[in-house]
Amino acid sequence: MSTHKLKILPEYYQAAASGNKPFEIRKNDRDYKLGDKLELQEWDGVNYTGKEIHVYVTYILKGGLYGLDKAYCILGTRIIEVIKNEPSKITE
């Protein structure tokens, strides 16, 4: 099992942290596998806010089906923990 650190925008962070969005639609460029851990780090477009959600991948729907582009996948997720750290000044 692997751990993947991924950015998540504030509007999606809120939905994921509350449990209302138990999935991620992502480019399938990281060889995701069942049981992988995703560390979803809230990114406001300039900086990391310090908020994170750690989730396990519980389901993978690969692209090429149901209108989903072959380069993408839908990852079913289950929350492990929600973390609030100090905001980071790391920018891209």
PDB file of N, CA and C in Angstrom:
ATOM      1  N   MET A   1       0.845  -1.183   0.000  1.00  0.00           N
ATOM      2  CA  MET A   1       0.000   0.000   0.000  1.00  0.00           C
ATOM      3  C   MET A   1       0.886   1.241   0.000  1.00  0.00           C
ATOM      4  N   SER A   2       0.431   2.239  -0.718  1.00  0.00           N
ATOM      5  CA  SER A   2       1.180   3.488  -0.842  1.00  0.00           C
ATOM      6  C   SER A   2       0.417   4.634  -0.199  1.00  0.00           C
ATOM      7  N   THR A   3       1.146   5.710   0.084  1.00  0.00           N
ATOM      8  CA  THR A   3       0.545   6.952   0.565  1.00  0.00           C
ATOM      9  C   THR A   3       0.736   8.006  -0.506  1.00  0.00           C
ATOM     10  N   HIS A   4      -0.344   8.702  -0.856  1.00  0.00           N
ATOM     11  CA  HIS A   4      -0.317   9.740  -1.886  1.00  0.00           C
ATOM     12  C   HIS A   4      -0.722  11.067  -1.261  1.00  0.00           C
ATOM     13  N   LYS A   5       0.126  12.084  -1.385  1.00  0.00           N
ATOM     14  CA  LYS A   5      -0.207  13.435  -0.911  1.00  0.00           C
ATOM     15  C   LYS A   5      -0.808  14.191  -2.086  1.00  0.00           C
ATOM     16  N   LEU A   6      -2.039  14.675  -1.903  1.00  0.00           N
ATOM     17  CA  LEU A   6      -2.773  15.332  -2.979  1.00  0.00           C
ATOM     18  C   LEU A   6      -3.371  16.644  -2.501  1.00  0.00           C
ATOM     19  N   LYS A   7      -3.441  17.603  -3.404  1.00  0.00           N
ATOM     20  CA  LYS A   7      -4.108  18.875  -3.104  1.00  0.00           C
ATOM     21  C   LYS A   7      -5.615  18.688  -3.213  1.00  0.00           C
ATOM     22  N   ILE A   8      -6.343  19.475  -2.415  1.00  0.00           N
ATOM     23  CA  ILE A   8      -7.797  19.511  -2.520  1.00  0.00           C
ATOM     24  C   ILE A   8      -8.240  20.953  -2.288  1.00  0.00           C
ATOM     25  N   LEU A   9      -9.107  21.448  -3.149  1.00  0.00           N
ATOM     26  CA  LEU A   9      -9.587  22.827  -3.032  1.00  0.00           C
ATOM     27  C   LEU A   9     -10.569  22.957  -1.867  1.00  0.00           C
ATOM     28  N   PRO A  10     -10.677  24.171  -1.282  1.00  0.00           N
ATOM     29  CA  PRO A  10     -11.530  24.367  -0.100  1.00  0.00           C
ATOM     30  C   PRO A  10     -12.967  23.880  -0.261  1.00  0.00           C
ATOM     31  N   GLU A  11     -13.595  24.125  -1.417  1.00  0.00           N
ATOM     32  CA  GLU A  11     -14.990  23.714  -1.584  1.00  0.00           C
ATOM     33  C   GLU A  11     -15.149  22.197  -1.559  1.00  0.00           C
ATOM     34  N   TYR A  12     -14.142  21.466  -2.003  1.00  0.00           N
ATOM     35  CA  TYR A  12     -14.198  20.010  -1.975  1.00  0.00           C
ATOM     36  C   TYR A  12     -13.729  19.468  -0.626  1.00  0.00           C
ATOM     37  N   TYR A  13     -12.812  20.192   0.015  1.00  0.00           N
ATOM     38  CA  TYR A  13     -12.333  19.785   1.343  1.00  0.00           C
ATOM     39  C   TYR A  13     -13.502  19.699   2.321  1.00  0.00           C
ATOM     40  N   GLN A  14     -14.322  20.737   2.366  1.00  0.00           N
ATOM     41  CA  GLN A  14     -15.454  20.777   3.308  1.00  0.00           C
ATOM     42  C   GLN A  14     -16.373  19.582   3.106  1.00  0.00           C
ATOM     43  N   ALA A  15     -16.685  19.288   1.842  1.00  0.00           N
ATOM     44  CA  ALA A  15     -17.582  18.172   1.543  1.00  0.00           C
ATOM     45  C   ALA A  15     -16.951  16.831   1.923  1.00  0.00           C
ATOM     46  N   ALA A  16     -15.656  16.680   1.669  1.00  0.00           N
ATOM     47  CA  ALA A  16     -14.968  15.431   2.007  1.00  0.00           C
ATOM     48  C   ALA A  16     -14.829  15.268   3.522  1.00  0.00           C
ATOM     49  N   ALA A  17     -14.463  16.344   4.229  1.00  0.00           N
ATOM     50  CA  ALA A  17     -14.259  16.278   5.683  1.00  0.00           C
ATOM     51  C   ALA A  17     -15.553  15.966   6.426  1.00  0.00           C
ATOM     52  N   SER A  18     -16.681  16.411   5.878  1.00  0.00           N
ATOM     53  CA  SER A  18     -17.972  16.155   6.520  1.00  0.00           C
ATOM     54  C   SER A  18     -18.496  14.750   6.223  1.00  0.00           C
ATOM     55  N   GLY A  19     -17.867  14.064   5.264  1.00  0.00           N
ATOM     56  CA  GLY A  19     -18.320  12.735   4.871  1.00  0.00           C
ATOM     57  C   GLY A  19     -19.338  12.753   3.754  1.00  0.00           C
ATOM     58  N   ASN A  20     -19.708  13.938   3.278  1.00  0.00           N
ATOM     59  CA  ASN A  20     -20.694  14.049   2.203  1.00  0.00           C
ATOM     60  C   ASN A  20     -20.126  13.713   0.829  1.00  0.00           C
ATOM     61  N   LYS A  21     -18.806  13.695   0.682  1.00  0.00           N
ATOM     62  CA  LYS A  21     -18.166  13.366  -0.603  1.00  0.00           C
ATOM     63  C   LYS A  21     -17.176  12.223  -0.365  1.00  0.00           C
ATOM     64  N   PRO A  22     -17.660  10.986  -0.369  1.00  0.00           N
ATOM     65  CA  PRO A  22     -16.784   9.847  -0.090  1.00  0.00           C
ATOM     66  C   PRO A  22     -16.087   9.309  -1.342  1.00  0.00           C
ATOM     67  N   PHE A  23     -15.608  10.208  -2.181  1.00  0.00           N
ATOM     68  CA  PHE A  23     -14.932   9.811  -3.414  1.00  0.00           C
ATOM     69  C   PHE A  23     -14.030  10.942  -3.885  1.00  0.00           C
ATOM     70  N   GLU A  24     -13.084  10.596  -4.740  1.00  0.00           N
ATOM     71  CA  GLU A  24     -12.226  11.568  -5.408  1.00  0.00           C
ATOM     72  C   GLU A  24     -12.206  11.215  -6.883  1.00  0.00           C
ATOM     73  N   ILE A  25     -12.280  12.214  -7.738  1.00  0.00           N
ATOM     74  CA  ILE A  25     -12.069  12.028  -9.168  1.00  0.00           C
ATOM     75  C   ILE A  25     -10.678  12.577  -9.441  1.00  0.00           C
ATOM     76  N   ARG A  26      -9.788  11.715  -9.900  1.00  0.00           N
ATOM     77  CA  ARG A  26      -8.381  12.082 -10.050  1.00  0.00           C
ATOM     78  C   ARG A  26      -7.814  11.572 -11.360  1.00  0.00           C
ATOM     79  N   LYS A  27      -6.779  12.261 -11.838  1.00  0.00           N
ATOM     80  CA  LYS A  27      -6.019  11.753 -12.965  1.00  0.00           C
ATOM     81  C   LYS A  27      -5.366  10.460 -12.489  1.00  0.00           C
ATOM     82  N   ASN A  28      -5.456   9.429 -13.293  1.00  0.00           N
ATOM     83  CA  ASN A  28      -4.941   8.116 -12.892  1.00  0.00           C
ATOM     84  C   ASN A  28      -3.471   7.992 -13.297  1.00  0.00           C
ATOM     85  N   ASP A  29      -2.639   8.791 -12.642  1.00  0.00           N
ATOM     86  CA  ASP A  29      -1.212   8.824 -12.974  1.00  0.00           C
ATOM     87  C   ASP A  29      -0.333   8.370 -11.811  1.00  0.00           C
ATOM     88  N   ARG A  30      -0.936   7.754 -10.796  1.00  0.00           N
ATOM     89  CA  ARG A  30      -0.177   7.366  -9.599  1.00  0.00           C
ATOM     90  C   ARG A  30      -0.313   5.883  -9.255  1.00  0.00           C
ATOM     91  N   ASP A  31      -0.883   5.092 -10.127  1.00  0.00           N
ATOM     92  CA  ASP A  31      -1.043   3.658  -9.878  1.00  0.00           C
ATOM     93  C   ASP A  31      -1.755   3.393  -8.548  1.00  0.00           C
ATOM     94  N   TYR A  32      -2.914   4.038  -8.368  1.00  0.00           N
ATOM     95  CA  TYR A  32      -3.699   3.863  -7.144  1.00  0.00           C
ATOM     96  C   TYR A  32      -4.118   2.408  -6.992  1.00  0.00           C
ATOM     97  N   LYS A  33      -4.130   1.948  -5.746  1.00  0.00           N
ATOM     98  CA  LYS A  33      -4.562   0.583  -5.442  1.00  0.00           C
ATOM     99  C   LYS A  33      -5.493   0.599  -4.227  1.00  0.00           C
ATOM    100  N   LEU A  34      -6.340  -0.433  -4.128  1.00  0.00           N
ATOM    101  CA  LEU A  34      -7.198  -0.568  -2.956  1.00  0.00           C
ATOM    102  C   LEU A  34      -6.334  -0.599  -1.701  1.00  0.00           C
ATOM    103  N   GLY A  35      -6.765   0.125  -0.683  1.00  0.00           N
ATOM    104  CA  GLY A  35      -6.029   0.177   0.570  1.00  0.00           C
ATOM    105  C   GLY A  35      -5.003   1.288   0.643  1.00  0.00           C
ATOM    106  N   ASP A  36      -4.720   1.950  -0.486  1.00  0.00           N
ATOM    107  CA  ASP A  36      -3.794   3.085  -0.453  1.00  0.00           C
ATOM    108  C   ASP A  36      -4.352   4.177   0.444  1.00  0.00           C
ATOM    109  N   LYS A  37      -3.454   4.965   1.010  1.00  0.00           N
ATOM    110  CA  LYS A  37      -3.841   6.100   1.842  1.00  0.00           C
ATOM    111  C   LYS A  37      -3.666   7.378   1.027  1.00  0.00           C
ATOM    112  N   LEU A  38      -4.684   8.239   1.059  1.00  0.00           N
ATOM    113  CA  LEU A  38      -4.605   9.557   0.438  1.00  0.00           C
ATOM    114  C   LEU A  38      -4.538  10.590   1.546  1.00  0.00           C
ATOM    115  N   GLU A  39      -3.556  11.465   1.472  1.00  0.00           N
ATOM    116  CA  GLU A  39      -3.468  12.597   2.390  1.00  0.00           C
ATOM    117  C   GLU A  39      -3.907  13.818   1.594  1.00  0.00           C
ATOM    118  N   LEU A  40      -5.167  14.190   1.752  1.00  0.00           N
ATOM    119  CA  LEU A  40      -5.761  15.298   1.009  1.00  0.00           C
ATOM    120  C   LEU A  40      -5.472  16.586   1.758  1.00  0.00           C
ATOM    121  N   GLN A  41      -4.639  17.432   1.177  1.00  0.00           N
ATOM    122  CA  GLN A  41      -4.185  18.660   1.827  1.00  0.00           C
ATOM    123  C   GLN A  41      -4.873  19.855   1.182  1.00  0.00           C
ATOM    124  N   GLU A  42      -5.630  20.602   2.002  1.00  0.00           N
ATOM    125  CA  GLU A  42      -6.367  21.750   1.465  1.00  0.00           C
ATOM    126  C   GLU A  42      -5.388  22.790   0.912  1.00  0.00           C
ATOM    127  N   TRP A  43      -5.657  23.223  -0.310  1.00  0.00           N
ATOM    128  CA  TRP A  43      -4.825  24.162  -1.064  1.00  0.00           C
ATOM    129  C   TRP A  43      -5.732  25.274  -1.546  1.00  0.00           C
ATOM    130  N   ASP A  44      -5.420  26.521  -1.174  1.00  0.00           N
ATOM    131  CA  ASP A  44      -6.287  27.642  -1.554  1.00  0.00           C
ATOM    132  C   ASP A  44      -5.900  28.290  -2.880  1.00  0.00           C
ATOM    133  N   GLY A  45      -5.012  27.665  -3.613  1.00  0.00           N
ATOM    134  CA  GLY A  45      -4.556  28.206  -4.891  1.00  0.00           C
ATOM    135  C   GLY A  45      -3.212  28.905  -4.783  1.00  0.00           C
ATOM    136  N   VAL A  46      -2.805  29.237  -3.550  1.00  0.00           N
ATOM    137  CA  VAL A  46      -1.516  29.886  -3.298  1.00  0.00           C
ATOM    138  C   VAL A  46      -0.732  29.122  -2.232  1.00  0.00           C
ATOM    139  N   ASN A  47      -1.409  28.774  -1.141  1.00  0.00           N
ATOM    140  CA  ASN A  47      -0.769  28.117   0.005  1.00  0.00           C
ATOM    141  C   ASN A  47      -1.586  26.922   0.481  1.00  0.00           C
ATOM    142  N   TYR A  48      -0.910  26.040   1.212  1.00  0.00           N
ATOM    143  CA  TYR A  48      -1.611  24.998   1.949  1.00  0.00           C
ATOM    144  C   TYR A  48      -2.193  25.634   3.205  1.00  0.00           C
ATOM    145  N   THR A  49      -3.438  25.299   3.534  1.00  0.00           N
ATOM    146  CA  THR A  49      -4.116  25.927   4.674  1.00  0.00           C
ATOM    147  C   THR A  49      -3.795  25.252   6.002  1.00  0.00           C
ATOM    148  N   GLY A  50      -3.223  24.059   5.958  1.00  0.00           N
ATOM    149  CA  GLY A  50      -2.949  23.296   7.173  1.00  0.00           C
ATOM    150  C   GLY A  50      -4.013  22.252   7.463  1.00  0.00           C
ATOM    151  N   LYS A  51      -5.123  22.299   6.736  1.00  0.00           N
ATOM    152  CA  LYS A  51      -6.184  21.303   6.933  1.00  0.00           C
ATOM    153  C   LYS A  51      -5.898  20.090   6.049  1.00  0.00           C
ATOM    154  N   GLU A  52      -6.076  18.912   6.622  1.00  0.00           N
ATOM    155  CA  GLU A  52      -5.855  17.664   5.887  1.00  0.00           C
ATOM    156  C   GLU A  52      -6.939  16.657   6.234  1.00  0.00           C
ATOM    157  N   ILE A  53      -7.207  15.793   5.292  1.00  0.00           N
ATOM    158  CA  ILE A  53      -8.069  14.636   5.522  1.00  0.00           C
ATOM    159  C   ILE A  53      -7.266  13.426   5.069  1.00  0.00           C
ATOM    160  N   HIS A  54      -7.163  12.426   5.913  1.00  0.00           N
ATOM    161  CA  HIS A  54      -6.508  11.182   5.526  1.00  0.00           C
ATOM    162  C   HIS A  54      -7.611  10.154   5.295  1.00  0.00           C
ATOM    163  N   VAL A  55      -7.553   9.515   4.131  1.00  0.00           N
ATOM    164  CA  VAL A  55      -8.579   8.542   3.755  1.00  0.00           C
ATOM    165  C   VAL A  55      -7.919   7.295   3.177  1.00  0.00           C
ATOM    166  N   TYR A  56      -8.638   6.179   3.252  1.00  0.00           N
ATOM    167  CA  TYR A  56      -8.232   4.961   2.565  1.00  0.00           C
ATOM    168  C   TYR A  56      -9.014   4.856   1.263  1.00  0.00           C
ATOM    169  N   VAL A  57      -8.392   4.278   0.245  1.00  0.00           N
ATOM    170  CA  VAL A  57      -9.070   3.982  -1.017  1.00  0.00           C
ATOM    171  C   VAL A  57      -9.801   2.657  -0.838  1.00  0.00           C
ATOM    172  N   THR A  58     -11.127   2.701  -0.996  1.00  0.00           N
ATOM    173  CA  THR A  58     -11.954   1.507  -0.801  1.00  0.00           C
ATOM    174  C   THR A  58     -12.516   0.947  -2.104  1.00  0.00           C
ATOM    175  N   TYR A  59     -12.427   1.736  -3.187  1.00  0.00           N
ATOM    176  CA  TYR A  59     -12.975   1.317  -4.478  1.00  0.00           C
ATOM    177  C   TYR A  59     -12.286   2.119  -5.565  1.00  0.00           C
ATOM    178  N   ILE A  60     -12.082   1.505  -6.731  1.00  0.00           N
ATOM    179  CA  ILE A  60     -11.486   2.213  -7.866  1.00  0.00           C
ATOM    180  C   ILE A  60     -12.304   1.915  -9.115  1.00  0.00           C
ATOM    181  N   LEU A  61     -12.803   2.973  -9.756  1.00  0.00           N
ATOM    182  CA  LEU A  61     -13.457   2.858 -11.055  1.00  0.00           C
ATOM    183  C   LEU A  61     -12.527   3.523 -12.053  1.00  0.00           C
ATOM    184  N   LYS A  62     -11.923   2.715 -12.911  1.00  0.00           N
ATOM    185  CA  LYS A  62     -10.969   3.252 -13.881  1.00  0.00           C
ATOM    186  C   LYS A  62     -11.702   3.886 -15.047  1.00  0.00           C
ATOM    187  N   GLY A  63     -11.048   4.877 -15.651  1.00  0.00           N
ATOM    188  CA  GLY A  63     -11.627   5.584 -16.787  1.00  0.00           C
ATOM    189  C   GLY A  63     -11.843   4.669 -17.984  1.00  0.00           C
ATOM    190  N   GLY A  64     -12.595   5.197 -18.937  1.00  0.00           N
ATOM    191  CA  GLY A  64     -12.938   4.432 -20.118  1.00  0.00           C
ATOM    192  C   GLY A  64     -14.340   3.853 -20.035  1.00  0.00           C
ATOM    193  N   LEU A  65     -14.996   4.026 -18.892  1.00  0.00           N
ATOM    194  CA  LEU A  65     -16.357   3.540 -18.692  1.00  0.00           C
ATOM    195  C   LEU A  65     -17.272   4.690 -18.306  1.00  0.00           C
ATOM    196  N   TYR A  66     -18.513   4.595 -18.682  1.00  0.00           N
ATOM    197  CA  TYR A  66     -19.556   5.535 -18.244  1.00  0.00           C
ATOM    198  C   TYR A  66     -19.219   6.999 -18.522  1.00  0.00           C
ATOM    199  N   GLY A  67     -18.500   7.253 -19.606  1.00  0.00           N
ATOM    200  CA  GLY A  67     -18.174   8.623 -19.986  1.00  0.00           C
ATOM    201  C   GLY A  67     -16.969   9.212 -19.286  1.00  0.00           C
ATOM    202  N   LEU A  68     -16.334   8.459 -18.400  1.00  0.00           N
ATOM    203  CA  LEU A  68     -15.142   8.944 -17.698  1.00  0.00           C
ATOM    204  C   LEU A  68     -13.926   8.755 -18.600  1.00  0.00           C
ATOM    205  N   ASP A  69     -13.193   9.843 -18.834  1.00  0.00           N
ATOM    206  CA  ASP A  69     -11.995   9.813 -19.670  1.00  0.00           C
ATOM    207  C   ASP A  69     -11.036   8.723 -19.183  1.00  0.00           C
ATOM    208  N   LYS A  70     -10.371   8.046 -20.126  1.00  0.00           N
ATOM    209  CA  LYS A  70      -9.454   6.954 -19.784  1.00  0.00           C
ATOM    210  C   LYS A  70      -8.310   7.389 -18.873  1.00  0.00           C
ATOM    211  N   ALA A  71      -7.975   8.667 -18.882  1.00  0.00           N
ATOM    212  CA  ALA A  71      -6.849   9.166 -18.082  1.00  0.00           C
ATOM    213  C   ALA A  71      -7.227   9.403 -16.616  1.00  0.00           C
ATOM    214  N   TYR A  72      -8.507   9.231 -16.276  1.00  0.00           N
ATOM    215  CA  TYR A  72      -8.986   9.538 -14.922  1.00  0.00           C
ATOM    216  C   TYR A  72      -9.548   8.304 -14.235  1.00  0.00           C
ATOM    217  N   CYS A  73      -9.780   8.430 -12.936  1.00  0.00           N
ATOM    218  CA  CYS A  73     -10.420   7.366 -12.171  1.00  0.00           C
ATOM    219  C   CYS A  73     -11.251   7.995 -11.056  1.00  0.00           C
ATOM    220  N   ILE A  74     -12.193   7.235 -10.560  1.00  0.00           N
ATOM    221  CA  ILE A  74     -12.971   7.633  -9.388  1.00  0.00           C
ATOM    222  C   ILE A  74     -12.546   6.708  -8.255  1.00  0.00           C
ATOM    223  N   LEU A  75     -12.131   7.319  -7.153  1.00  0.00           N
ATOM    224  CA  LEU A  75     -11.665   6.566  -5.996  1.00  0.00           C
ATOM    225  C   LEU A  75     -12.691   6.669  -4.878  1.00  0.00           C
ATOM    226  N   GLY A  76     -13.274   5.560  -4.492  1.00  0.00           N
ATOM    227  CA  GLY A  76     -14.131   5.540  -3.315  1.00  0.00           C
ATOM    228  C   GLY A  76     -13.235   5.645  -2.093  1.00  0.00           C
ATOM    229  N   THR A  77     -13.652   6.430  -1.082  1.00  0.00           N
ATOM    230  CA  THR A  77     -12.788   6.666   0.074  1.00  0.00           C
ATOM    231  C   THR A  77     -13.529   6.488   1.396  1.00  0.00           C
ATOM    232  N   ARG A  78     -12.737   6.213   2.444  1.00  0.00           N
ATOM    233  CA  ARG A  78     -13.241   6.141   3.816  1.00  0.00           C
ATOM    234  C   ARG A  78     -12.311   6.974   4.687  1.00  0.00           C
ATOM    235  N   ILE A  79     -12.874   7.883   5.468  1.00  0.00           N
ATOM    236  CA  ILE A  79     -12.072   8.786   6.298  1.00  0.00           C
ATOM    237  C   ILE A  79     -11.357   8.017   7.409  1.00  0.00           C
ATOM    238  N   ILE A  80     -10.065   8.318   7.561  1.00  0.00           N
ATOM    239  CA  ILE A  80      -9.267   7.822   8.681  1.00  0.00           C
ATOM    240  C   ILE A  80      -9.232   8.895   9.762  1.00  0.00           C
ATOM    241  N   GLU A  81      -8.850  10.123   9.362  1.00  0.00           N
ATOM    242  CA  GLU A  81      -8.781  11.230  10.314  1.00  0.00           C
ATOM    243  C   GLU A  81      -8.809  12.568   9.589  1.00  0.00           C
ATOM    244  N   VAL A  82      -9.232  13.591  10.324  1.00  0.00           N
ATOM    245  CA  VAL A  82      -9.237  14.973   9.849  1.00  0.00           C
ATOM    246  C   VAL A  82      -8.258  15.731  10.738  1.00  0.00           C
ATOM    247  N   ILE A  83      -7.332  16.466  10.106  1.00  0.00           N
ATOM    248  CA  ILE A  83      -6.251  17.142  10.829  1.00  0.00           C
ATOM    249  C   ILE A  83      -6.274  18.631  10.518  1.00  0.00           C
ATOM    250  N   LYS A  84      -6.015  19.454  11.535  1.00  0.00           N
ATOM    251  CA  LYS A  84      -5.901  20.902  11.335  1.00  0.00           C
ATOM    252  C   LYS A  84      -4.541  21.343  11.850  1.00  0.00           C
ATOM    253  N   ASN A  85      -3.597  21.549  10.938  1.00  0.00           N
ATOM    254  CA  ASN A  85      -2.253  22.022  11.267  1.00  0.00           C
ATOM    255  C   ASN A  85      -2.178  23.529  11.070  1.00  0.00           C
ATOM    256  N   GLU A  86      -1.048  24.103  11.393  1.00  0.00           N
ATOM    257  CA  GLU A  86      -0.808  25.515  11.095  1.00  0.00           C
ATOM    258  C   GLU A  86      -0.692  25.679   9.583  1.00  0.00           C
ATOM    259  N   PRO A  87      -1.188  26.798   9.045  1.00  0.00           N
ATOM    260  CA  PRO A  87      -1.061  27.037   7.604  1.00  0.00           C
ATOM    261  C   PRO A  87       0.403  27.017   7.168  1.00  0.00           C
ATOM    262  N   SER A  88       0.614  26.516   5.966  1.00  0.00           N
ATOM    263  CA  SER A  88       1.960  26.433   5.408  1.00  0.00           C
ATOM    264  C   SER A  88       2.176  27.559   4.414  1.00  0.00           C
ATOM    265  N   LYS A  89       3.368  28.045   4.351  1.00  0.00           N
ATOM    266  CA  LYS A  89       3.712  29.080   3.377  1.00  0.00           C
ATOM    267  C   LYS A  89       4.306  28.471   2.112  1.00  0.00           C
ATOM    268  N   ILE A  90       4.160  27.160   1.963  1.00  0.00           N
ATOM    269  CA  ILE A  90       4.667  26.504   0.767  1.00  0.00           C
ATOM    270  C   ILE A  90       3.781  26.893  -0.406  1.00  0.00           C
ATOM    271  N   THR A  91       4.397  27.396  -1.448  1.00  0.00           N
ATOM    272  CA  THR A  91       3.678  27.759  -2.666  1.00  0.00           C
ATOM    273  C   THR A  91       4.303  27.017  -3.828  1.00  0.00           C
ATOM    274  N   GLU A  92       3.628  27.050  -4.945  1.00  0.00           N
ATOM    275  CA  GLU A  92       4.189  26.412  -6.136  1.00  0.00           C
ATOM    276  C   GLU A  92       4.825  27.439  -7.012  1.00  0.00           C
TER     277      GLU A  92
END
